[in-house]
Amino acid sequence: MKSLIAIIAGAMLLAAPLEGAWAADRHLFYVHGCCIKDMNDPKVQAYEKIVRALQDDGFDVVFDIRTADVGDNDAAAQDHAARIAGEVNALLARGVAPADITVAGYSLGAMTTLLAAGLIANPDVNFVLLAGCPVRASIPVSIDYSRIKGRVLAVIDAGDDKFGSCSGRLPEGVTYREVVLNSGVGHAVFRLDTDRYMKLWKEPLLNWAQGKAPP
């Protein structure tokens, strides 16, 4: 049974369950990017559509909306990463296989995902960095790359001048792959909710979450 969980303005909402594509449950923690002004921001609807598409692909998706006033700073990213790590560790304690857990984030969410990878510190949990690692991020986040463990996939866009490759930043022992897109829209490709753009990064994410190499 697949369920979509969204924590919005402090309230937890549980969507109607949908049947997924996989026999075993796959858990995905999805972390959106920065700069959501309020709950009427068009990006909210776009992210919700992206999450529903991921749910339709067979994931149990955990996702929350964080507006800029509470989420767009280093302390909030650290706190969010700690909460994700706690939830992942709770799944592991229940006997969920680490290979069945994926944490994926875009932009500020990618930095939060890196923080979570350092806190979870499990070499078999999957992490997907949508946009990759920060180059000129608008919101600075303190990341100790030496702590990171796991299977890390970076999906980057050739036209992105804010984020890019993580090559050379991750410690030895981390399984790392990257996919380079040429979408024509740069950094924004990972938050656009049309099928044309979503399929560019969803296919590598789905493969990675199933333990496969990106296509």
C-alpha atoms as a PDB file:
ATOM      1  CA  MET A   1       0.000   0.000   0.000  1.00  0.00           C
ATOM      2  CA  LYS A   2       1.434   3.350  -1.023  1.00  0.00           C
ATOM      3  CA  SER A   3       0.584   6.495   0.890  1.00  0.00           C
ATOM      4  CA  LEU A   4       1.461  10.134   0.409  1.00  0.00           C
ATOM      5  CA  ILE A   5       2.286  12.062   3.564  1.00  0.00           C
ATOM      6  CA  ALA A   6       2.461  15.839   3.484  1.00  0.00           C
ATOM      7  CA  ILE A   7       3.088  17.992   6.524  1.00  0.00           C
ATOM      8  CA  ILE A   8       1.592  21.370   5.736  1.00  0.00           C
ATOM      9  CA  ALA A   9       1.451  24.233   8.243  1.00  0.00           C
ATOM     10  CA  GLY A  10       1.927  21.785  11.093  1.00  0.00           C
ATOM     11  CA  ALA A  11      -0.850  19.414  10.024  1.00  0.00           C
ATOM     12  CA  MET A  12      -0.176  15.901   8.778  1.00  0.00           C
ATOM     13  CA  LEU A  13      -2.330  14.862   5.850  1.00  0.00           C
ATOM     14  CA  LEU A  14      -2.634  11.262   4.670  1.00  0.00           C
ATOM     15  CA  ALA A  15      -3.772  10.868   1.080  1.00  0.00           C
ATOM     16  CA  ALA A  16      -5.811   7.955  -0.166  1.00  0.00           C
ATOM     17  CA  PRO A  17      -3.604   4.893  -0.731  1.00  0.00           C
ATOM     18  CA  LEU A  18      -2.615   3.957  -4.253  1.00  0.00           C
ATOM     19  CA  GLU A  19      -1.226   0.700  -5.546  1.00  0.00           C
ATOM     20  CA  GLY A  20       2.429   0.961  -6.583  1.00  0.00           C
ATOM     21  CA  ALA A  21       4.527  -0.596  -9.276  1.00  0.00           C
ATOM     22  CA  TRP A  22       6.756  -2.654  -6.962  1.00  0.00           C
ATOM     23  CA  ALA A  23       5.868  -5.662  -4.878  1.00  0.00           C
ATOM     24  CA  ALA A  24       7.897  -4.410  -1.911  1.00  0.00           C
ATOM     25  CA  ASP A  25       7.384  -1.012  -0.310  1.00  0.00           C
ATOM     26  CA  ARG A  26       9.919   1.599  -1.323  1.00  0.00           C
ATOM     27  CA  HIS A  27      10.249   4.615   0.935  1.00  0.00           C
ATOM     28  CA  LEU A  28      11.146   8.016  -0.496  1.00  0.00           C
ATOM     29  CA  PHE A  29      11.808  11.182   1.471  1.00  0.00           C
ATOM     30  CA  TYR A  30      11.455  14.092  -0.960  1.00  0.00           C
ATOM     31  CA  VAL A  31      12.840  17.516   0.012  1.00  0.00           C
ATOM     32  CA  HIS A  32      11.911  20.536  -2.105  1.00  0.00           C
ATOM     33  CA  GLY A  33      13.937  23.629  -2.908  1.00  0.00           C
ATOM     34  CA  CYS A  34      13.950  27.098  -1.421  1.00  0.00           C
ATOM     35  CA  CYS A  35      12.020  30.264  -1.858  1.00  0.00           C
ATOM     36  CA  ILE A  36       8.391  29.293  -1.279  1.00  0.00           C
ATOM     37  CA  LYS A  37       6.759  32.577  -0.245  1.00  0.00           C
ATOM     38  CA  ASP A  38       3.577  31.114   1.237  1.00  0.00           C
ATOM     39  CA  MET A  39       1.101  28.296   0.675  1.00  0.00           C
ATOM     40  CA  ASN A  40      -0.344  30.158  -2.338  1.00  0.00           C
ATOM     41  CA  ASP A  41       3.013  30.145  -4.127  1.00  0.00           C
ATOM     42  CA  PRO A  42       2.639  28.296  -7.481  1.00  0.00           C
ATOM     43  CA  LYS A  43       5.687  26.200  -6.559  1.00  0.00           C
ATOM     44  CA  VAL A  44       3.609  24.473  -3.871  1.00  0.00           C
ATOM     45  CA  GLN A  45       1.228  23.024  -6.449  1.00  0.00           C
ATOM     46  CA  ALA A  46       4.146  22.063  -8.688  1.00  0.00           C
ATOM     47  CA  TYR A  47       5.907  20.174  -5.882  1.00  0.00           C
ATOM     48  CA  GLU A  48       2.694  18.417  -4.907  1.00  0.00           C
ATOM     49  CA  LYS A  49       2.277  17.249  -8.515  1.00  0.00           C
ATOM     50  CA  ILE A  50       5.863  15.997  -8.556  1.00  0.00           C
ATOM     51  CA  VAL A  51       5.286  14.078  -5.318  1.00  0.00           C
ATOM     52  CA  ARG A  52       2.123  12.472  -6.649  1.00  0.00           C
ATOM     53  CA  ALA A  53       4.019  11.385  -9.759  1.00  0.00           C
ATOM     54  CA  LEU A  54       6.635   9.762  -7.526  1.00  0.00           C
ATOM     55  CA  GLN A  55       3.886   8.068  -5.554  1.00  0.00           C
ATOM     56  CA  ASP A  56       2.423   6.718  -8.769  1.00  0.00           C
ATOM     57  CA  ASP A  57       5.856   5.242  -9.501  1.00  0.00           C
ATOM     58  CA  GLY A  58       5.465   3.033  -6.440  1.00  0.00           C
ATOM     59  CA  PHE A  59       6.984   4.977  -3.562  1.00  0.00           C
ATOM     60  CA  ASP A  60       5.695   5.642  -0.086  1.00  0.00           C
ATOM     61  CA  VAL A  61       6.532   9.353  -0.212  1.00  0.00           C
ATOM     62  CA  VAL A  62       7.231  11.510   2.831  1.00  0.00           C
ATOM     63  CA  PHE A  63       7.244  15.201   1.985  1.00  0.00           C
ATOM     64  CA  ASP A  64       6.566  18.499   3.689  1.00  0.00           C
ATOM     65  CA  ILE A  65       6.146  22.074   2.536  1.00  0.00           C
ATOM     66  CA  ARG A  66       8.478  24.535   4.219  1.00  0.00           C
ATOM     67  CA  THR A  67       7.959  28.209   3.458  1.00  0.00           C
ATOM     68  CA  ALA A  68      10.942  30.540   3.191  1.00  0.00           C
ATOM     69  CA  ASP A  69      10.340  32.209   6.544  1.00  0.00           C
ATOM     70  CA  VAL A  70      10.848  28.928   8.428  1.00  0.00           C
ATOM     71  CA  GLY A  71      12.913  26.780   6.076  1.00  0.00           C
ATOM     72  CA  ASP A  72      15.401  28.861   4.123  1.00  0.00           C
ATOM     73  CA  ASN A  73      18.379  28.988   6.462  1.00  0.00           C
ATOM     74  CA  ASP A  74      21.203  26.795   7.708  1.00  0.00           C
ATOM     75  CA  ALA A  75      19.675  26.014  11.104  1.00  0.00           C
ATOM     76  CA  ALA A  76      16.387  24.916   9.518  1.00  0.00           C
ATOM     77  CA  ALA A  77      18.205  22.682   7.019  1.00  0.00           C
ATOM     78  CA  GLN A  78      20.187  21.063   9.837  1.00  0.00           C
ATOM     79  CA  ASP A  79      17.004  20.490  11.836  1.00  0.00           C
ATOM     80  CA  HIS A  80      15.134  19.092   8.836  1.00  0.00           C
ATOM     81  CA  ALA A  81      18.005  16.706   8.057  1.00  0.00           C
ATOM     82  CA  ALA A  82      18.019  15.480  11.665  1.00  0.00           C
ATOM     83  CA  ARG A  83      14.285  14.806  11.492  1.00  0.00           C
ATOM     84  CA  ILE A  84      14.667  12.865   8.235  1.00  0.00           C
ATOM     85  CA  ALA A  85      17.553  10.875   9.725  1.00  0.00           C
ATOM     86  CA  GLY A  86      15.410  10.023  12.732  1.00  0.00           C
ATOM     87  CA  GLU A  87      12.588   8.783  10.520  1.00  0.00           C
ATOM     88  CA  VAL A  88      14.961   6.754   8.347  1.00  0.00           C
ATOM     89  CA  ASN A  89      16.561   5.181  11.410  1.00  0.00           C
ATOM     90  CA  ALA A  90      13.087   4.326  12.709  1.00  0.00           C
ATOM     91  CA  LEU A  91      12.355   2.491   9.447  1.00  0.00           C
ATOM     92  CA  LEU A  92      15.654   0.634   9.708  1.00  0.00           C
ATOM     93  CA  ALA A  93      14.849  -0.325  13.294  1.00  0.00           C
ATOM     94  CA  ARG A  94      11.542  -1.780  12.080  1.00  0.00           C
ATOM     95  CA  GLY A  95      13.441  -4.040   9.710  1.00  0.00           C
ATOM     96  CA  VAL A  96      13.088  -2.075   6.475  1.00  0.00           C
ATOM     97  CA  ALA A  97      16.057  -2.845   4.231  1.00  0.00           C
ATOM     98  CA  PRO A  98      18.307   0.182   3.690  1.00  0.00           C
ATOM     99  CA  ALA A  99      18.180  -0.475  -0.054  1.00  0.00           C
ATOM    100  CA  ASP A 100      14.431   0.211   0.097  1.00  0.00           C
ATOM    101  CA  ILE A 101      14.956   3.744   1.434  1.00  0.00           C
ATOM    102  CA  THR A 102      15.773   6.768  -0.728  1.00  0.00           C
ATOM    103  CA  VAL A 103      16.250  10.385   0.322  1.00  0.00           C
ATOM    104  CA  ALA A 104      16.037  12.828  -2.587  1.00  0.00           C
ATOM    105  CA  GLY A 105      16.187  16.599  -2.584  1.00  0.00           C
ATOM    106  CA  TYR A 106      16.364  19.517  -4.984  1.00  0.00           C
ATOM    107  CA  SER A 107      18.618  22.573  -4.518  1.00  0.00           C
ATOM    108  CA  LEU A 108      18.293  23.495  -0.816  1.00  0.00           C
ATOM    109  CA  GLY A 109      16.707  20.046  -0.528  1.00  0.00           C
ATOM    110  CA  ALA A 110      19.845  18.499  -2.051  1.00  0.00           C
ATOM    111  CA  MET A 111      21.942  20.156   0.653  1.00  0.00           C
ATOM    112  CA  THR A 112      19.509  18.870   3.276  1.00  0.00           C
ATOM    113  CA  THR A 113      19.866  15.410   1.713  1.00  0.00           C
ATOM    114  CA  LEU A 114      23.659  15.615   2.051  1.00  0.00           C
ATOM    115  CA  LEU A 115      23.266  16.521   5.719  1.00  0.00           C
ATOM    116  CA  ALA A 116      20.893  13.592   6.223  1.00  0.00           C
ATOM    117  CA  ALA A 117      23.384  11.235   4.534  1.00  0.00           C
ATOM    118  CA  GLY A 118      25.986  12.247   7.092  1.00  0.00           C
ATOM    119  CA  LEU A 119      23.605  11.661   9.998  1.00  0.00           C
ATOM    120  CA  ILE A 120      22.168   8.359   8.751  1.00  0.00           C
ATOM    121  CA  ALA A 121      25.670   7.094   7.876  1.00  0.00           C
ATOM    122  CA  ASN A 122      24.435   3.882   6.280  1.00  0.00           C
ATOM    123  CA  PRO A 123      26.334   2.777   3.157  1.00  0.00           C
ATOM    124  CA  ASP A 124      23.294   1.049   1.641  1.00  0.00           C
ATOM    125  CA  VAL A 125      20.699   3.842   1.871  1.00  0.00           C
ATOM    126  CA  ASN A 126      20.059   5.649  -1.428  1.00  0.00           C
ATOM    127  CA  PHE A 127      20.485   9.415  -1.809  1.00  0.00           C
ATOM    128  CA  VAL A 128      19.603  11.461  -4.895  1.00  0.00           C
ATOM    129  CA  LEU A 129      20.839  15.034  -5.281  1.00  0.00           C
ATOM    130  CA  LEU A 130      18.637  16.826  -7.795  1.00  0.00           C
ATOM    131  CA  ALA A 131      20.914  19.587  -9.170  1.00  0.00           C
ATOM    132  CA  GLY A 132      23.942  18.049  -7.420  1.00  0.00           C
ATOM    133  CA  CYS A 133      26.229  19.818  -4.954  1.00  0.00           C
ATOM    134  CA  PRO A 134      26.245  23.575  -4.286  1.00  0.00           C
ATOM    135  CA  VAL A 135      28.527  25.837  -6.300  1.00  0.00           C
ATOM    136  CA  ARG A 136      26.914  29.241  -5.800  1.00  0.00           C
ATOM    137  CA  ALA A 137      23.945  28.408  -3.602  1.00  0.00           C
ATOM    138  CA  SER A 138      21.837  31.407  -2.597  1.00  0.00           C
ATOM    139  CA  ILE A 139      21.382  29.970   0.908  1.00  0.00           C
ATOM    140  CA  PRO A 140      24.639  28.825   2.544  1.00  0.00           C
ATOM    141  CA  VAL A 141      24.427  25.535   4.437  1.00  0.00           C
ATOM    142  CA  SER A 142      27.289  24.050   6.471  1.00  0.00           C
ATOM    143  CA  ILE A 143      27.958  20.550   5.146  1.00  0.00           C
ATOM    144  CA  ASP A 144      30.627  18.203   6.507  1.00  0.00           C
ATOM    145  CA  TYR A 145      31.241  16.105   3.407  1.00  0.00           C
ATOM    146  CA  SER A 146      33.609  13.796   5.308  1.00  0.00           C
ATOM    147  CA  ARG A 147      30.658  12.325   7.256  1.00  0.00           C
ATOM    148  CA  ILE A 148      28.621  11.305   4.228  1.00  0.00           C
ATOM    149  CA  LYS A 149      27.910   7.631   3.610  1.00  0.00           C
ATOM    150  CA  GLY A 150      25.556   5.856   1.247  1.00  0.00           C
ATOM    151  CA  ARG A 151      24.767   5.381  -2.415  1.00  0.00           C
ATOM    152  CA  VAL A 152      24.785   8.903  -3.832  1.00  0.00           C
ATOM    153  CA  LEU A 153      23.439   9.858  -7.250  1.00  0.00           C
ATOM    154  CA  ALA A 154      23.770  13.441  -8.484  1.00  0.00           C
ATOM    155  CA  VAL A 155      21.523  14.483 -11.360  1.00  0.00           C
ATOM    156  CA  ILE A 156      22.839  17.784 -12.651  1.00  0.00           C
ATOM    157  CA  ASP A 157      22.059  20.089 -15.559  1.00  0.00           C
ATOM    158  CA  ALA A 158      24.776  21.385 -17.860  1.00  0.00           C
ATOM    159  CA  GLY A 159      23.189  24.852 -17.833  1.00  0.00           C
ATOM    160  CA  ASP A 160      23.082  25.174 -14.042  1.00  0.00           C
ATOM    161  CA  ASP A 161      25.458  27.778 -12.576  1.00  0.00           C
ATOM    162  CA  LYS A 162      24.257  27.321  -8.977  1.00  0.00           C
ATOM    163  CA  PHE A 163      24.822  23.597  -8.433  1.00  0.00           C
ATOM    164  CA  GLY A 164      26.968  20.987 -10.145  1.00  0.00           C
ATOM    165  CA  SER A 165      29.136  17.897  -9.777  1.00  0.00           C
ATOM    166  CA  CYS A 166      29.970  16.428  -6.376  1.00  0.00           C
ATOM    167  CA  SER A 167      33.095  14.788  -7.767  1.00  0.00           C
ATOM    168  CA  GLY A 168      36.035  15.162  -5.375  1.00  0.00           C
ATOM    169  CA  ARG A 169      33.878  16.213  -2.418  1.00  0.00           C
ATOM    170  CA  LEU A 170      32.640  12.867  -1.140  1.00  0.00           C
ATOM    171  CA  PRO A 171      34.797  10.566   0.992  1.00  0.00           C
ATOM    172  CA  GLU A 172      36.210   7.230  -0.106  1.00  0.00           C
ATOM    173  CA  GLY A 173      33.780   4.382   0.257  1.00  0.00           C
ATOM    174  CA  VAL A 174      30.768   6.326  -0.977  1.00  0.00           C
ATOM    175  CA  THR A 175      29.145   4.852  -4.065  1.00  0.00           C
ATOM    176  CA  TYR A 176      28.796   7.868  -6.360  1.00  0.00           C
ATOM    177  CA  ARG A 177      27.399   8.329  -9.835  1.00  0.00           C
ATOM    178  CA  GLU A 178      26.216  11.381 -11.711  1.00  0.00           C
ATOM    179  CA  VAL A 179      23.938  12.060 -14.652  1.00  0.00           C
ATOM    180  CA  VAL A 180      24.231  15.252 -16.697  1.00  0.00           C
ATOM    181  CA  LEU A 181      21.107  16.671 -18.326  1.00  0.00           C
ATOM    182  CA  ASN A 182      20.900  19.210 -21.127  1.00  0.00           C
ATOM    183  CA  SER A 183      17.355  20.425 -20.523  1.00  0.00           C
ATOM    184  CA  GLY A 184      17.812  23.972 -21.756  1.00  0.00           C
ATOM    185  CA  VAL A 185      16.313  25.409 -18.577  1.00  0.00           C
ATOM    186  CA  GLY A 186      19.197  24.871 -16.138  1.00  0.00           C
ATOM    187  CA  HIS A 187      18.626  24.759 -12.389  1.00  0.00           C
ATOM    188  CA  ALA A 188      14.844  25.065 -12.690  1.00  0.00           C
ATOM    189  CA  VAL A 189      14.371  21.759 -14.504  1.00  0.00           C
ATOM    190  CA  PHE A 190      13.992  19.854 -11.232  1.00  0.00           C
ATOM    191  CA  ARG A 191      10.974  21.878 -10.074  1.00  0.00           C
ATOM    192  CA  LEU A 192       9.040  22.033 -13.331  1.00  0.00           C
ATOM    193  CA  ASP A 193       6.011  19.755 -13.136  1.00  0.00           C
ATOM    194  CA  THR A 194       5.470  18.878 -16.799  1.00  0.00           C
ATOM    195  CA  ASP A 195       6.064  15.300 -17.898  1.00  0.00           C
ATOM    196  CA  ARG A 196       8.617  16.533 -20.437  1.00  0.00           C
ATOM    197  CA  TYR A 197      10.951  17.744 -17.701  1.00  0.00           C
ATOM    198  CA  MET A 198      10.080  15.337 -14.888  1.00  0.00           C
ATOM    199  CA  LYS A 199      10.998  12.274 -16.943  1.00  0.00           C
ATOM    200  CA  LEU A 200      14.538  13.618 -17.433  1.00  0.00           C
ATOM    201  CA  TRP A 201      15.418  13.161 -13.760  1.00  0.00           C
ATOM    202  CA  LYS A 202      12.812  10.623 -12.668  1.00  0.00           C
ATOM    203  CA  GLU A 203      14.219   7.765 -14.742  1.00  0.00           C
ATOM    204  CA  PRO A 204      17.691   7.956 -13.142  1.00  0.00           C
ATOM    205  CA  LEU A 205      16.100   8.347  -9.697  1.00  0.00           C
ATOM    206  CA  LEU A 206      13.898   5.279 -10.185  1.00  0.00           C
ATOM    207  CA  ASN A 207      16.815   3.183 -11.367  1.00  0.00           C
ATOM    208  CA  TRP A 208      18.973   4.303  -8.443  1.00  0.00           C
ATOM    209  CA  ALA A 209      16.221   3.535  -5.931  1.00  0.00           C
ATOM    210  CA  GLN A 210      16.067  -0.005  -7.305  1.00  0.00           C
ATOM    211  CA  GLY A 211      19.804  -0.523  -6.925  1.00  0.00           C
ATOM    212  CA  LYS A 212      20.532  -0.110 -10.611  1.00  0.00           C
ATOM    213  CA  ALA A 213      23.041   2.149 -12.304  1.00  0.00           C
ATOM    214  CA  PRO A 214      21.535   5.228 -13.944  1.00  0.00           C
ATOM    215  CA  PRO A 215      20.744   4.800 -17.654  1.00  0.00           C
END
